[in-house]
Amino acid sequence: MTLIILPREQFLLKYRECGGQKPAWYVKYLLRGFTNMVDIFVNKDGIFLGKKDYGLVIAHEEGHIQGKEHTLFGVMSGYGLIRLLTV
């Protein structure tokens, strides 16, 4: 597993290359990380609420690589703010 940090436009291109279907505005401005099940890609220009939030995005994507699904609360929450408040 490799952590790859990309600027906004390259992040969008890599997301599309990996088959991502969300709208470009969402990917560029709201999506902060994703995985292709081997590597983790982080949007360098994403909005992070401190180091803890940044680390939780990475931990969340690592969870997907390990086969974990989204939950309502905790590190696997699909909602970043809930994730940050419940870990």
PDB file of N, CA and C in Angstrom:
ATOM      1  N   MET A   1       0.836  -1.170   0.000  1.00  0.00           N
ATOM      2  CA  MET A   1       0.000   0.000   0.000  1.00  0.00           C
ATOM      3  C   MET A   1       0.884   1.237   0.000  1.00  0.00           C
ATOM      4  N   THR A   2       0.540   2.175  -0.857  1.00  0.00           N
ATOM      5  CA  THR A   2       1.267   3.434  -0.966  1.00  0.00           C
ATOM      6  C   THR A   2       0.293   4.581  -0.753  1.00  0.00           C
ATOM      7  N   LEU A   3       0.723   5.603  -0.035  1.00  0.00           N
ATOM      8  CA  LEU A   3      -0.050   6.821   0.131  1.00  0.00           C
ATOM      9  C   LEU A   3       0.396   7.801  -0.953  1.00  0.00           C
ATOM     10  N   ILE A   4      -0.542   8.211  -1.801  1.00  0.00           N
ATOM     11  CA  ILE A   4      -0.234   9.116  -2.903  1.00  0.00           C
ATOM     12  C   ILE A   4      -1.036  10.394  -2.715  1.00  0.00           C
ATOM     13  N   ILE A   5      -0.335  11.502  -2.555  1.00  0.00           N
ATOM     14  CA  ILE A   5      -0.967  12.797  -2.330  1.00  0.00           C
ATOM     15  C   ILE A   5      -0.905  13.579  -3.635  1.00  0.00           C
ATOM     16  N   LEU A   6      -2.076  13.985  -4.124  1.00  0.00           N
ATOM     17  CA  LEU A   6      -2.166  14.650  -5.424  1.00  0.00           C
ATOM     18  C   LEU A   6      -2.876  15.996  -5.322  1.00  0.00           C
ATOM     19  N   PRO A   7      -2.458  16.980  -6.138  1.00  0.00           N
ATOM     20  CA  PRO A   7      -3.216  18.229  -6.213  1.00  0.00           C
ATOM     21  C   PRO A   7      -4.595  17.970  -6.836  1.00  0.00           C
ATOM     22  N   ARG A   8      -5.504  18.875  -6.595  1.00  0.00           N
ATOM     23  CA  ARG A   8      -6.919  18.717  -6.952  1.00  0.00           C
ATOM     24  C   ARG A   8      -7.166  18.160  -8.352  1.00  0.00           C
ATOM     25  N   GLU A   9      -6.580  18.732  -9.377  1.00  0.00           N
ATOM     26  CA  GLU A   9      -6.852  18.292 -10.755  1.00  0.00           C
ATOM     27  C   GLU A   9      -6.327  16.880 -11.016  1.00  0.00           C
ATOM     28  N   GLN A  10      -5.147  16.571 -10.530  1.00  0.00           N
ATOM     29  CA  GLN A  10      -4.587  15.224 -10.703  1.00  0.00           C
ATOM     30  C   GLN A  10      -5.386  14.207  -9.895  1.00  0.00           C
ATOM     31  N   PHE A  11      -5.876  14.623  -8.730  1.00  0.00           N
ATOM     32  CA  PHE A  11      -6.724  13.766  -7.901  1.00  0.00           C
ATOM     33  C   PHE A  11      -7.986  13.377  -8.679  1.00  0.00           C
ATOM     34  N   LEU A  12      -8.615  14.369  -9.333  1.00  0.00           N
ATOM     35  CA  LEU A  12      -9.803  14.099 -10.147  1.00  0.00           C
ATOM     36  C   LEU A  12      -9.478  13.130 -11.281  1.00  0.00           C
ATOM     37  N   LEU A  13      -8.370  13.361 -11.978  1.00  0.00           N
ATOM     38  CA  LEU A  13      -7.994  12.476 -13.085  1.00  0.00           C
ATOM     39  C   LEU A  13      -7.765  11.043 -12.604  1.00  0.00           C
ATOM     40  N   LYS A  14      -7.073  10.883 -11.484  1.00  0.00           N
ATOM     41  CA  LYS A  14      -6.811   9.545 -10.946  1.00  0.00           C
ATOM     42  C   LYS A  14      -8.121   8.885 -10.512  1.00  0.00           C
ATOM     43  N   TYR A  15      -9.018   9.663  -9.914  1.00  0.00           N
ATOM     44  CA  TYR A  15     -10.327   9.152  -9.504  1.00  0.00           C
ATOM     45  C   TYR A  15     -11.094   8.619 -10.712  1.00  0.00           C
ATOM     46  N   ARG A  16     -11.106   9.372 -11.793  1.00  0.00           N
ATOM     47  CA  ARG A  16     -11.779   8.933 -13.025  1.00  0.00           C
ATOM     48  C   ARG A  16     -11.093   7.693 -13.606  1.00  0.00           C
ATOM     49  N   GLU A  17      -9.765   7.693 -13.580  1.00  0.00           N
ATOM     50  CA  GLU A  17      -8.993   6.561 -14.097  1.00  0.00           C
ATOM     51  C   GLU A  17      -9.330   5.278 -13.330  1.00  0.00           C
ATOM     52  N   CYS A  18      -9.645   5.415 -12.047  1.00  0.00           N
ATOM     53  CA  CYS A  18      -9.975   4.260 -11.203  1.00  0.00           C
ATOM     54  C   CYS A  18     -11.460   3.895 -11.270  1.00  0.00           C
ATOM     55  N   GLY A  19     -12.206   4.575 -12.138  1.00  0.00           N
ATOM     56  CA  GLY A  19     -13.613   4.233 -12.336  1.00  0.00           C
ATOM     57  C   GLY A  19     -14.594   5.032 -11.507  1.00  0.00           C
ATOM     58  N   GLY A  20     -14.132   6.069 -10.811  1.00  0.00           N
ATOM     59  CA  GLY A  20     -15.019   6.885  -9.986  1.00  0.00           C
ATOM     60  C   GLY A  20     -16.065   7.618 -10.810  1.00  0.00           C
ATOM     61  N   GLN A  21     -17.293   7.678 -10.299  1.00  0.00           N
ATOM     62  CA  GLN A  21     -18.412   8.245 -11.050  1.00  0.00           C
ATOM     63  C   GLN A  21     -19.007   9.509 -10.448  1.00  0.00           C
ATOM     64  N   LYS A  22     -18.545   9.940  -9.275  1.00  0.00           N
ATOM     65  CA  LYS A  22     -19.144  11.122  -8.652  1.00  0.00           C
ATOM     66  C   LYS A  22     -18.848  12.363  -9.492  1.00  0.00           C
ATOM     67  N   PRO A  23     -19.705  13.400  -9.380  1.00  0.00           N
ATOM     68  CA  PRO A  23     -19.502  14.616 -10.177  1.00  0.00           C
ATOM     69  C   PRO A  23     -18.156  15.283  -9.892  1.00  0.00           C
ATOM     70  N   ALA A  24     -17.611  15.944 -10.905  1.00  0.00           N
ATOM     71  CA  ALA A  24     -16.286  16.574 -10.782  1.00  0.00           C
ATOM     72  C   ALA A  24     -16.231  17.572  -9.633  1.00  0.00           C
ATOM     73  N   TRP A  25     -17.288  18.378  -9.441  1.00  0.00           N
ATOM     74  CA  TRP A  25     -17.272  19.375  -8.365  1.00  0.00           C
ATOM     75  C   TRP A  25     -17.160  18.685  -7.003  1.00  0.00           C
ATOM     76  N   TYR A  26     -17.822  17.536  -6.848  1.00  0.00           N
ATOM     77  CA  TYR A  26     -17.762  16.802  -5.584  1.00  0.00           C
ATOM     78  C   TYR A  26     -16.351  16.256  -5.348  1.00  0.00           C
ATOM     79  N   VAL A  27     -15.782  15.678  -6.379  1.00  0.00           N
ATOM     80  CA  VAL A  27     -14.448  15.080  -6.264  1.00  0.00           C
ATOM     81  C   VAL A  27     -13.406  16.158  -5.980  1.00  0.00           C
ATOM     82  N   LYS A  28     -13.477  17.258  -6.680  1.00  0.00           N
ATOM     83  CA  LYS A  28     -12.476  18.322  -6.529  1.00  0.00           C
ATOM     84  C   LYS A  28     -12.546  19.006  -5.167  1.00  0.00           C
ATOM     85  N   TYR A  29     -13.760  19.223  -4.665  1.00  0.00           N
ATOM     86  CA  TYR A  29     -13.903  20.080  -3.493  1.00  0.00           C
ATOM     87  C   TYR A  29     -14.342  19.366  -2.214  1.00  0.00           C
ATOM     88  N   LEU A  30     -14.977  18.221  -2.317  1.00  0.00           N
ATOM     89  CA  LEU A  30     -15.466  17.552  -1.114  1.00  0.00           C
ATOM     90  C   LEU A  30     -14.789  16.210  -0.832  1.00  0.00           C
ATOM     91  N   LEU A  31     -14.437  15.472  -1.877  1.00  0.00           N
ATOM     92  CA  LEU A  31     -13.796  14.176  -1.675  1.00  0.00           C
ATOM     93  C   LEU A  31     -12.350  14.399  -1.269  1.00  0.00           C
ATOM     94  N   ARG A  32     -11.954  13.797  -0.152  1.00  0.00           N
ATOM     95  CA  ARG A  32     -10.605  14.042   0.352  1.00  0.00           C
ATOM     96  C   ARG A  32      -9.694  12.843   0.177  1.00  0.00           C
ATOM     97  N   GLY A  33     -10.267  11.672  -0.056  1.00  0.00           N
ATOM     98  CA  GLY A  33      -9.447  10.487  -0.258  1.00  0.00           C
ATOM     99  C   GLY A  33     -10.266   9.358  -0.859  1.00  0.00           C
ATOM    100  N   PHE A  34      -9.584   8.433  -1.504  1.00  0.00           N
ATOM    101  CA  PHE A  34     -10.205   7.213  -2.022  1.00  0.00           C
ATOM    102  C   PHE A  34      -9.108   6.179  -2.206  1.00  0.00           C
ATOM    103  N   THR A  35      -9.522   4.951  -2.434  1.00  0.00           N
ATOM    104  CA  THR A  35      -8.558   3.877  -2.661  1.00  0.00           C
ATOM    105  C   THR A  35      -8.942   3.084  -3.901  1.00  0.00           C
ATOM    106  N   ASN A  36      -7.939   2.535  -4.550  1.00  0.00           N
ATOM    107  CA  ASN A  36      -8.181   1.600  -5.651  1.00  0.00           C
ATOM    108  C   ASN A  36      -7.983   0.168  -5.152  1.00  0.00           C
ATOM    109  N   MET A  37      -8.011   0.005  -3.845  1.00  0.00           N
ATOM    110  CA  MET A  37      -7.843  -1.256  -3.116  1.00  0.00           C
ATOM    111  C   MET A  37      -6.391  -1.711  -3.062  1.00  0.00           C
ATOM    112  N   VAL A  38      -5.489  -0.890  -3.547  1.00  0.00           N
ATOM    113  CA  VAL A  38      -4.051  -1.137  -3.431  1.00  0.00           C
ATOM    114  C   VAL A  38      -3.382   0.095  -2.826  1.00  0.00           C
ATOM    115  N   ASP A  39      -3.656   1.256  -3.404  1.00  0.00           N
ATOM    116  CA  ASP A  39      -3.064   2.512  -2.960  1.00  0.00           C
ATOM    117  C   ASP A  39      -4.144   3.437  -2.405  1.00  0.00           C
ATOM    118  N   ILE A  40      -3.715   4.395  -1.601  1.00  0.00           N
ATOM    119  CA  ILE A  40      -4.611   5.415  -1.066  1.00  0.00           C
ATOM    120  C   ILE A  40      -4.233   6.741  -1.708  1.00  0.00           C
ATOM    121  N   PHE A  41      -5.232   7.420  -2.246  1.00  0.00           N
ATOM    122  CA  PHE A  41      -5.037   8.709  -2.885  1.00  0.00           C
ATOM    123  C   PHE A  41      -5.684   9.782  -2.022  1.00  0.00           C
ATOM    124  N   VAL A  42      -4.938  10.843  -1.745  1.00  0.00           N
ATOM    125  CA  VAL A  42      -5.426  11.944  -0.912  1.00  0.00           C
ATOM    126  C   VAL A  42      -5.396  13.223  -1.733  1.00  0.00           C
ATOM    127  N   ASN A  43      -6.477  14.001  -1.615  1.00  0.00           N
ATOM    128  CA  ASN A  43      -6.576  15.294  -2.283  1.00  0.00           C
ATOM    129  C   ASN A  43      -5.788  16.316  -1.470  1.00  0.00           C
ATOM    130  N   LYS A  44      -4.635  16.695  -1.967  1.00  0.00           N
ATOM    131  CA  LYS A  44      -3.758  17.657  -1.286  1.00  0.00           C
ATOM    132  C   LYS A  44      -4.481  18.957  -0.988  1.00  0.00           C
ATOM    133  N   ASP A  45      -5.415  19.336  -1.849  1.00  0.00           N
ATOM    134  CA  ASP A  45      -6.141  20.590  -1.702  1.00  0.00           C
ATOM    135  C   ASP A  45      -7.476  20.416  -0.981  1.00  0.00           C
ATOM    136  N   GLY A  46      -7.726  19.228  -0.447  1.00  0.00           N
ATOM    137  CA  GLY A  46      -8.965  18.983   0.287  1.00  0.00           C
ATOM    138  C   GLY A  46      -8.997  19.758   1.598  1.00  0.00           C
ATOM    139  N   ILE A  47     -10.185  19.942   2.129  1.00  0.00           N
ATOM    140  CA  ILE A  47     -10.347  20.650   3.392  1.00  0.00           C
ATOM    141  C   ILE A  47     -10.296  19.629   4.526  1.00  0.00           C
ATOM    142  N   PHE A  48      -9.287  19.755   5.349  1.00  0.00           N
ATOM    143  CA  PHE A  48      -9.110  18.868   6.499  1.00  0.00           C
ATOM    144  C   PHE A  48      -9.204  19.705   7.767  1.00  0.00           C
ATOM    145  N   LEU A  49      -9.860  19.172   8.783  1.00  0.00           N
ATOM    146  CA  LEU A  49     -10.031  19.874  10.043  1.00  0.00           C
ATOM    147  C   LEU A  49      -8.950  19.453  11.025  1.00  0.00           C
ATOM    148  N   GLY A  50      -7.709  19.675  10.645  1.00  0.00           N
ATOM    149  CA  GLY A  50      -6.571  19.355  11.499  1.00  0.00           C
ATOM    150  C   GLY A  50      -5.939  18.009  11.184  1.00  0.00           C
ATOM    151  N   LYS A  51      -4.878  17.701  11.927  1.00  0.00           N
ATOM    152  CA  LYS A  51      -4.110  16.474  11.706  1.00  0.00           C
ATOM    153  C   LYS A  51      -4.920  15.218  12.008  1.00  0.00           C
ATOM    154  N   LYS A  52      -5.780  15.287  13.037  1.00  0.00           N
ATOM    155  CA  LYS A  52      -6.594  14.121  13.378  1.00  0.00           C
ATOM    156  C   LYS A  52      -7.512  13.756  12.218  1.00  0.00           C
ATOM    157  N   ASP A  53      -8.168  14.752  11.640  1.00  0.00           N
ATOM    158  CA  ASP A  53      -9.068  14.523  10.516  1.00  0.00           C
ATOM    159  C   ASP A  53      -8.306  13.927   9.336  1.00  0.00           C
ATOM    160  N   TYR A  54      -7.147  14.469   9.043  1.00  0.00           N
ATOM    161  CA  TYR A  54      -6.309  13.967   7.947  1.00  0.00           C
ATOM    162  C   TYR A  54      -5.965  12.489   8.185  1.00  0.00           C
ATOM    163  N   GLY A  55      -5.545  12.179   9.403  1.00  0.00           N
ATOM    164  CA  GLY A  55      -5.205  10.801   9.743  1.00  0.00           C
ATOM    165  C   GLY A  55      -6.399   9.868   9.659  1.00  0.00           C
ATOM    166  N   LEU A  56      -7.576  10.364  10.023  1.00  0.00           N
ATOM    167  CA  LEU A  56      -8.780   9.533   9.953  1.00  0.00           C
ATOM    168  C   LEU A  56      -9.188   9.231   8.519  1.00  0.00           C
ATOM    169  N   VAL A  57      -8.964  10.174   7.612  1.00  0.00           N
ATOM    170  CA  VAL A  57      -9.251   9.917   6.191  1.00  0.00           C
ATOM    171  C   VAL A  57      -8.378   8.757   5.709  1.00  0.00           C
ATOM    172  N   ILE A  58      -7.120   8.784   6.071  1.00  0.00           N
ATOM    173  CA  ILE A  58      -6.200   7.714   5.666  1.00  0.00           C
ATOM    174  C   ILE A  58      -6.596   6.397   6.328  1.00  0.00           C
ATOM    175  N   ALA A  59      -6.906   6.426   7.621  1.00  0.00           N
ATOM    176  CA  ALA A  59      -7.325   5.208   8.332  1.00  0.00           C
ATOM    177  C   ALA A  59      -8.611   4.645   7.729  1.00  0.00           C
ATOM    178  N   HIS A  60      -9.524   5.521   7.329  1.00  0.00           N
ATOM    179  CA  HIS A  60     -10.773   5.102   6.694  1.00  0.00           C
ATOM    180  C   HIS A  60     -10.490   4.346   5.394  1.00  0.00           C
ATOM    181  N   GLU A  61      -9.610   4.906   4.564  1.00  0.00           N
ATOM    182  CA  GLU A  61      -9.278   4.247   3.298  1.00  0.00           C
ATOM    183  C   GLU A  61      -8.515   2.940   3.530  1.00  0.00           C
ATOM    184  N   GLU A  62      -7.666   2.895   4.552  1.00  0.00           N
ATOM    185  CA  GLU A  62      -6.995   1.636   4.906  1.00  0.00           C
ATOM    186  C   GLU A  62      -8.029   0.580   5.275  1.00  0.00           C
ATOM    187  N   GLY A  63      -9.074   1.005   5.971  1.00  0.00           N
ATOM    188  CA  GLY A  63     -10.157   0.085   6.324  1.00  0.00           C
ATOM    189  C   GLY A  63     -10.808  -0.521   5.098  1.00  0.00           C
ATOM    190  N   HIS A  64     -11.016   0.282   4.060  1.00  0.00           N
ATOM    191  CA  HIS A  64     -11.590  -0.250   2.822  1.00  0.00           C
ATOM    192  C   HIS A  64     -10.655  -1.294   2.206  1.00  0.00           C
ATOM    193  N   ILE A  65      -9.357  -1.033   2.223  1.00  0.00           N
ATOM    194  CA  ILE A  65      -8.397  -2.002   1.681  1.00  0.00           C
ATOM    195  C   ILE A  65      -8.480  -3.319   2.454  1.00  0.00           C
ATOM    196  N   GLN A  66      -8.754  -3.235   3.749  1.00  0.00           N
ATOM    197  CA  GLN A  66      -8.878  -4.424   4.595  1.00  0.00           C
ATOM    198  C   GLN A  66     -10.233  -5.104   4.434  1.00  0.00           C
ATOM    199  N   GLY A  67     -11.107  -4.531   3.600  1.00  0.00           N
ATOM    200  CA  GLY A  67     -12.404  -5.142   3.338  1.00  0.00           C
ATOM    201  C   GLY A  67     -13.537  -4.626   4.195  1.00  0.00           C
ATOM    202  N   LYS A  68     -13.314  -3.587   4.974  1.00  0.00           N
ATOM    203  CA  LYS A  68     -14.362  -3.044   5.834  1.00  0.00           C
ATOM    204  C   LYS A  68     -15.318  -2.164   5.031  1.00  0.00           C
ATOM    205  N   GLU A  69     -16.564  -2.174   5.463  1.00  0.00           N
ATOM    206  CA  GLU A  69     -17.623  -1.388   4.829  1.00  0.00           C
ATOM    207  C   GLU A  69     -17.896  -0.131   5.655  1.00  0.00           C
ATOM    208  N   HIS A  70     -18.675   0.788   5.087  1.00  0.00           N
ATOM    209  CA  HIS A  70     -19.060   1.995   5.808  1.00  0.00           C
ATOM    210  C   HIS A  70     -19.952   1.657   7.002  1.00  0.00           C
ATOM    211  N   THR A  71     -19.795   2.433   8.053  1.00  0.00           N
ATOM    212  CA  THR A  71     -20.642   2.348   9.237  1.00  0.00           C
ATOM    213  C   THR A  71     -21.196   3.752   9.492  1.00  0.00           C
ATOM    214  N   LEU A  72     -22.140   3.857  10.416  1.00  0.00           N
ATOM    215  CA  LEU A  72     -22.673   5.178  10.731  1.00  0.00           C
ATOM    216  C   LEU A  72     -21.692   5.979  11.574  1.00  0.00           C
ATOM    217  N   PHE A  73     -21.039   5.313  12.536  1.00  0.00           N
ATOM    218  CA  PHE A  73     -20.122   5.981  13.450  1.00  0.00           C
ATOM    219  C   PHE A  73     -18.732   5.358  13.361  1.00  0.00           C
ATOM    220  N   GLY A  74     -17.747   6.051  13.903  1.00  0.00           N
ATOM    221  CA  GLY A  74     -16.391   5.525  13.971  1.00  0.00           C
ATOM    222  C   GLY A  74     -15.583   5.794  12.720  1.00  0.00           C
ATOM    223  N   VAL A  75     -14.417   5.175  12.669  1.00  0.00           N
ATOM    224  CA  VAL A  75     -13.473   5.442  11.588  1.00  0.00           C
ATOM    225  C   VAL A  75     -14.029   5.069  10.210  1.00  0.00           C
ATOM    226  N   MET A  76     -14.954   4.146  10.141  1.00  0.00           N
ATOM    227  CA  MET A  76     -15.495   3.737   8.845  1.00  0.00           C
ATOM    228  C   MET A  76     -16.767   4.489   8.465  1.00  0.00           C
ATOM    229  N   SER A  77     -17.105   5.526   9.211  1.00  0.00           N
ATOM    230  CA  SER A  77     -18.251   6.353   8.830  1.00  0.00           C
ATOM    231  C   SER A  77     -17.968   6.998   7.473  1.00  0.00           C
ATOM    232  N   GLY A  78     -18.966   7.014   6.629  1.00  0.00           N
ATOM    233  CA  GLY A  78     -18.831   7.646   5.324  1.00  0.00           C
ATOM    234  C   GLY A  78     -18.916   9.162   5.398  1.00  0.00           C
ATOM    235  N   TYR A  79     -19.188   9.674   6.582  1.00  0.00           N
ATOM    236  CA  TYR A  79     -19.329  11.115   6.788  1.00  0.00           C
ATOM    237  C   TYR A  79     -18.171  11.613   7.636  1.00  0.00           C
ATOM    238  N   GLY A  80     -17.299  12.422   7.036  1.00  0.00           N
ATOM    239  CA  GLY A  80     -16.075  12.868   7.700  1.00  0.00           C
ATOM    240  C   GLY A  80     -16.288  13.538   9.026  1.00  0.00           C
ATOM    241  N   LEU A  81     -17.318  14.393   9.137  1.00  0.00           N
ATOM    242  CA  LEU A  81     -17.542  15.098  10.395  1.00  0.00           C
ATOM    243  C   LEU A  81     -17.975  14.116  11.490  1.00  0.00           C
ATOM    244  N   ILE A  82     -18.857  13.180  11.151  1.00  0.00           N
ATOM    245  CA  ILE A  82     -19.261  12.162  12.137  1.00  0.00           C
ATOM    246  C   ILE A  82     -18.051  11.324  12.528  1.00  0.00           C
ATOM    247  N   ARG A  83     -17.227  10.960  11.569  1.00  0.00           N
ATOM    248  CA  ARG A  83     -16.019  10.198  11.839  1.00  0.00           C
ATOM    249  C   ARG A  83     -15.139  10.936  12.853  1.00  0.00           C
ATOM    250  N   LEU A  84     -14.935  12.219  12.598  1.00  0.00           N
ATOM    251  CA  LEU A  84     -14.086  13.035  13.459  1.00  0.00           C
ATOM    252  C   LEU A  84     -14.663  13.150  14.872  1.00  0.00           C
ATOM    253  N   LEU A  85     -15.970  13.248  14.988  1.00  0.00           N
ATOM    254  CA  LEU A  85     -16.600  13.422  16.299  1.00  0.00           C
ATOM    255  C   LEU A  85     -16.768  12.128  17.082  1.00  0.00           C
ATOM    256  N   THR A  86     -16.684  10.976  16.404  1.00  0.00           N
ATOM    257  CA  THR A  86     -16.969   9.712  17.090  1.00  0.00           C
ATOM    258  C   THR A  86     -15.754   8.817  17.277  1.00  0.00           C
ATOM    259  N   VAL A  87     -14.581   9.297  16.919  1.00  0.00           N
ATOM    260  CA  VAL A  87     -13.356   8.498  17.130  1.00  0.00           C
ATOM    261  C   VAL A  87     -12.533   9.145  18.212  1.00  0.00           C
TER     262      VAL A  87
END
